[in-house]
Amino acid sequence: MRTQMATEAGRTTAPSEDRALVGPNLLAVLDGVTAKPETGCEHGVGWFADQLSAEILRFAHLWPAAALKEAIAQAAELHSGTCDLDHPDTPSAAVGLVQIKDDVLRYLVLGDATVVVDTKRELLVVSDTQTNRTVGANPADVEHALMGEVPLQDVRRVAILSDGAARAVDLFNLFDWPKALELMAANGPDDLIRKMRQVEKEDAKAIDWPRKKISDDATVVYLDR
């Protein structure tokens, strides 16, 4: 299997709050939710994304939902003594996760991250853009995740994208998902981000494509066989 990753901050003046994970049996993209003025946390979204990423990898041997629940609990423990984790705007992140184990590909999506699984029978596109649910300090958040599994022998390729990268398809309509996967197979996921940035630049006032963020953090993890 071949795994490729591409990530780029939405602004040159601020670090990206996206994180990409590539472990022995697990791939994931975390999209940190932009912090509001008051969060109850002294660390910030980037710190939270770093800690949650590390904990997800630590529990990657568990099934995806269990791994994410344990990761949330451990990340929360790291700052429970200094921060108000009950604050409604405590740092959080959207998560797209894929695990390959026991000849099965399992996926989990919570929030507006996107997992695309191209199989021999169909193309699965999984994202939750309606509920605004994300992963914060409460392991129970995982109960709202979208989950499923596919026999590994049926999988042709997989992509996991933060919403800042998925907008190439679901906002700008530069390609449909099959063509986006073909592009990444041929040129790598960085080409998808590069083409999307050009459109953002050309529509710098968000007139043709109305959007809250002119340019957002964009991250893609791509896997094919």
Protein backbone atom coordinates (compact mmCIF):
# COMPACT_ATOMS: atom_id res chain seq x y z
CA MET A 1 0.00 0.00 0.00
CA ARG A 2 1.07 3.57 -0.70
CA THR A 3 0.28 6.41 1.70
CA GLN A 4 0.69 10.09 0.86
CA MET A 5 -0.01 13.15 2.96
CA ALA A 6 -0.33 16.85 2.23
CA THR A 7 -1.13 19.73 4.58
CA GLU A 8 -1.05 23.50 4.30
CA ALA A 9 -2.10 26.26 6.68
CA GLY A 10 -4.86 28.54 5.50
CA ARG A 11 -2.91 31.64 6.49
CA THR A 12 0.77 32.47 6.51
CA THR A 13 0.27 34.42 9.75
CA ALA A 14 -0.98 31.50 11.86
CA PRO A 15 -0.01 27.83 12.21
CA SER A 16 -2.37 25.17 10.97
CA GLU A 17 -4.72 23.60 13.50
CA ASP A 18 -5.09 20.47 11.33
CA ARG A 19 -3.18 17.32 12.18
CA ALA A 20 -2.51 14.23 10.04
CA LEU A 21 -1.73 10.82 11.51
CA VAL A 22 -0.14 7.88 9.74
CA GLY A 23 0.44 4.88 11.99
CA PRO A 24 1.07 1.17 11.35
CA ASN A 25 -2.64 0.36 11.11
CA LEU A 26 -4.37 3.74 11.39
CA LEU A 27 -4.75 6.90 9.33
CA ALA A 28 -6.50 10.03 10.56
CA VAL A 29 -7.05 13.73 10.00
CA LEU A 30 -7.94 16.05 12.87
CA ASP A 31 -9.32 19.51 12.14
CA GLY A 32 -9.07 21.75 15.19
CA VAL A 33 -12.04 24.08 15.64
CA THR A 34 -10.97 27.72 15.49
CA ALA A 35 -10.85 29.05 19.03
CA LYS A 36 -13.31 31.65 20.25
CA PRO A 37 -12.10 34.48 22.52
CA GLU A 38 -12.98 32.50 25.65
CA THR A 39 -12.45 28.75 25.80
CA GLY A 40 -11.72 28.02 29.43
CA CYS A 41 -8.43 26.47 28.30
CA GLU A 42 -5.01 28.03 28.70
CA HIS A 43 -3.38 25.81 26.08
CA GLY A 44 -5.21 26.41 22.81
CA VAL A 45 -6.55 24.39 19.90
CA GLY A 46 -3.15 23.46 18.45
CA TRP A 47 -2.00 21.99 21.75
CA PHE A 48 -5.25 20.03 22.07
CA ALA A 49 -4.90 18.65 18.53
CA ASP A 50 -1.33 17.58 19.27
CA GLN A 51 -2.30 15.75 22.47
CA LEU A 52 -5.34 14.07 20.98
CA SER A 53 -3.31 12.94 17.97
CA ALA A 54 -0.66 11.36 20.17
CA GLU A 55 -3.27 9.56 22.25
CA ILE A 56 -5.11 8.24 19.21
CA LEU A 57 -1.88 6.65 18.00
CA ARG A 58 -1.27 5.21 21.47
CA PHE A 59 -4.63 3.43 21.40
CA ALA A 60 -4.57 2.49 17.71
CA HIS A 61 -4.68 -1.21 18.61
CA LEU A 62 -8.30 -0.77 19.77
CA TRP A 63 -11.28 -0.50 17.45
CA PRO A 64 -11.77 3.08 16.22
CA ALA A 65 -14.56 4.16 18.58
CA ALA A 66 -12.79 2.69 21.60
CA ALA A 67 -9.46 4.20 20.55
CA LEU A 68 -11.00 7.65 20.18
CA LYS A 69 -12.83 7.43 23.50
CA GLU A 70 -9.63 6.49 25.32
CA ALA A 71 -7.72 9.23 23.51
CA ILE A 72 -10.28 11.87 24.49
CA ALA A 73 -10.19 10.78 28.12
CA GLN A 74 -6.40 10.82 28.28
CA ALA A 75 -6.09 14.17 26.52
CA ALA A 76 -8.64 15.65 28.91
CA GLU A 77 -6.70 14.33 31.89
CA LEU A 78 -3.60 16.21 30.73
CA HIS A 79 -5.24 19.58 31.39
CA SER A 80 -8.17 18.84 33.69
CA GLY A 81 -6.32 20.42 36.61
CA THR A 82 -5.65 23.72 34.87
CA CYS A 83 -8.56 24.27 32.49
CA ASP A 84 -12.35 24.41 32.55
CA LEU A 85 -13.24 21.40 30.41
CA ASP A 86 -16.96 22.04 30.93
CA HIS A 87 -16.72 25.33 29.07
CA PRO A 88 -18.94 25.13 25.94
CA ASP A 89 -16.04 26.34 23.76
CA THR A 90 -13.31 24.14 25.19
CA PRO A 91 -10.88 23.12 22.38
CA SER A 92 -12.26 20.48 20.05
CA ALA A 93 -11.69 18.94 16.64
CA ALA A 94 -13.46 17.19 13.80
CA VAL A 95 -12.02 13.71 13.23
CA GLY A 96 -11.81 11.42 10.21
CA LEU A 97 -10.19 8.07 10.99
CA VAL A 98 -9.51 4.84 9.13
CA GLN A 99 -8.16 1.65 10.67
CA ILE A 100 -6.92 -1.39 8.78
CA LYS A 101 -7.04 -4.49 10.95
CA ASP A 102 -8.00 -8.16 10.56
CA ASP A 103 -8.49 -7.77 6.77
CA VAL A 104 -11.14 -5.10 7.38
CA LEU A 105 -11.07 -1.35 6.82
CA ARG A 106 -13.03 0.46 9.52
CA TYR A 107 -13.85 4.16 9.32
CA LEU A 108 -15.08 6.74 11.79
CA VAL A 109 -16.11 10.32 11.13
CA LEU A 110 -17.16 12.89 13.68
CA GLY A 111 -17.81 16.40 12.39
CA ASP A 112 -17.09 17.89 8.99
CA ALA A 113 -14.00 15.82 8.20
CA THR A 114 -14.53 13.59 5.16
CA VAL A 115 -13.59 9.96 4.57
CA VAL A 116 -13.80 8.68 0.99
CA VAL A 117 -13.54 4.92 0.43
CA ASP A 118 -13.38 3.73 -3.18
CA THR A 119 -14.37 0.07 -3.35
CA LYS A 120 -14.89 -2.39 -6.16
CA ARG A 121 -18.66 -1.94 -5.77
CA GLU A 122 -19.26 1.68 -4.75
CA LEU A 123 -17.80 4.98 -3.65
CA LEU A 124 -18.48 5.83 0.00
CA VAL A 125 -18.27 9.50 1.00
CA VAL A 126 -18.77 9.97 4.73
CA SER A 127 -19.02 13.36 6.44
CA ASP A 128 -21.28 15.10 8.95
CA THR A 129 -21.61 18.73 7.93
CA GLN A 130 -25.00 19.32 9.54
CA THR A 131 -24.69 18.81 13.29
CA ASN A 132 -21.46 20.70 14.08
CA ARG A 133 -20.48 17.89 16.45
CA THR A 134 -16.79 17.62 17.27
CA VAL A 135 -14.48 15.81 19.68
CA GLY A 136 -13.83 17.78 22.86
CA ALA A 137 -13.24 16.65 26.43
CA ASN A 138 -16.12 14.19 26.72
CA PRO A 139 -15.62 10.59 25.49
CA ALA A 140 -19.39 10.32 25.05
CA ASP A 141 -19.02 12.57 21.99
CA VAL A 142 -17.91 9.49 20.07
CA GLU A 143 -21.43 8.06 20.29
CA HIS A 144 -22.42 10.56 17.58
CA ALA A 145 -19.76 9.39 15.12
CA LEU A 146 -20.57 7.90 11.73
CA MET A 147 -18.94 4.46 11.51
CA GLY A 148 -18.74 1.50 9.19
CA GLU A 149 -16.47 -1.15 7.75
CA VAL A 150 -15.50 -2.60 4.38
CA PRO A 151 -13.65 -5.85 3.58
CA LEU A 152 -10.09 -4.84 2.82
CA GLN A 153 -10.01 -6.94 -0.35
CA ASP A 154 -12.72 -4.68 -1.80
CA VAL A 155 -10.89 -1.41 -1.10
CA ARG A 156 -9.12 0.32 -3.99
CA ARG A 157 -8.18 3.61 -2.35
CA VAL A 158 -9.01 5.89 0.56
CA ALA A 159 -8.79 9.60 1.25
CA ILE A 160 -9.30 11.49 4.50
CA LEU A 161 -9.72 15.25 4.25
CA SER A 162 -10.26 18.18 6.56
CA ASP A 163 -13.12 20.43 5.45
CA GLY A 164 -10.57 22.97 4.23
CA ALA A 165 -9.39 20.40 1.66
CA ALA A 166 -12.78 18.82 0.91
CA ARG A 167 -14.05 22.22 -0.26
CA ALA A 168 -12.20 21.53 -3.52
CA VAL A 169 -15.10 19.16 -4.26
CA ASP A 170 -18.06 20.12 -2.08
CA LEU A 171 -17.74 23.92 -2.35
CA PHE A 172 -15.72 24.85 -5.44
CA ASN A 173 -16.83 21.85 -7.53
CA LEU A 174 -13.42 21.59 -9.16
CA PHE A 175 -13.96 17.84 -9.51
CA ASP A 176 -16.35 15.15 -8.38
CA TRP A 177 -14.97 12.62 -5.90
CA PRO A 178 -13.93 10.00 -8.48
CA LYS A 179 -11.93 12.61 -10.40
CA ALA A 180 -10.44 13.97 -7.17
CA LEU A 181 -9.19 10.48 -6.32
CA GLU A 182 -7.77 10.09 -9.84
CA LEU A 183 -5.94 13.40 -9.43
CA MET A 184 -4.43 12.32 -6.12
CA ALA A 185 -3.46 8.94 -7.55
CA ALA A 186 -1.64 10.62 -10.43
CA ASN A 187 -0.15 13.73 -8.82
CA GLY A 188 -0.49 13.33 -5.07
CA PRO A 189 -2.83 15.09 -2.63
CA ASP A 190 -0.73 18.26 -2.66
CA ASP A 191 -1.95 18.89 -6.23
CA LEU A 192 -5.56 18.95 -5.05
CA ILE A 193 -4.67 21.56 -2.43
CA ARG A 194 -2.66 23.56 -4.94
CA LYS A 195 -5.53 23.73 -7.44
CA MET A 196 -7.96 24.71 -4.68
CA ARG A 197 -5.67 27.50 -3.43
CA GLN A 198 -5.66 28.98 -6.90
CA VAL A 199 -9.43 29.23 -6.86
CA GLU A 200 -9.37 30.79 -3.38
CA LYS A 201 -6.88 33.34 -4.62
CA GLU A 202 -8.98 34.21 -7.66
CA ASP A 203 -12.06 34.64 -5.46
CA ALA A 204 -10.32 36.47 -2.62
CA LYS A 205 -13.48 38.38 -1.66
CA ALA A 206 -15.66 35.26 -1.51
CA ILE A 207 -18.06 36.59 -4.14
CA ASP A 208 -18.29 33.63 -6.52
CA TRP A 209 -18.11 31.08 -3.70
CA PRO A 210 -19.48 32.61 -0.45
CA ARG A 211 -17.65 31.18 2.55
CA LYS A 212 -16.76 32.13 6.12
CA LYS A 213 -13.03 31.55 5.63
CA ILE A 214 -11.38 32.82 2.46
CA SER A 215 -8.67 30.19 2.88
CA ASP A 216 -8.82 27.41 5.45
CA ASP A 217 -6.27 24.92 6.80
CA ALA A 218 -6.24 22.00 4.36
CA THR A 219 -5.03 18.46 5.06
CA VAL A 220 -5.32 15.20 3.10
CA VAL A 221 -4.17 11.66 3.81
CA TYR A 222 -4.41 9.42 0.74
CA LEU A 223 -3.96 5.64 0.51
CA ASP A 224 -4.07 3.34 -2.47
CA ARG A 225 -3.06 -0.24 -3.25
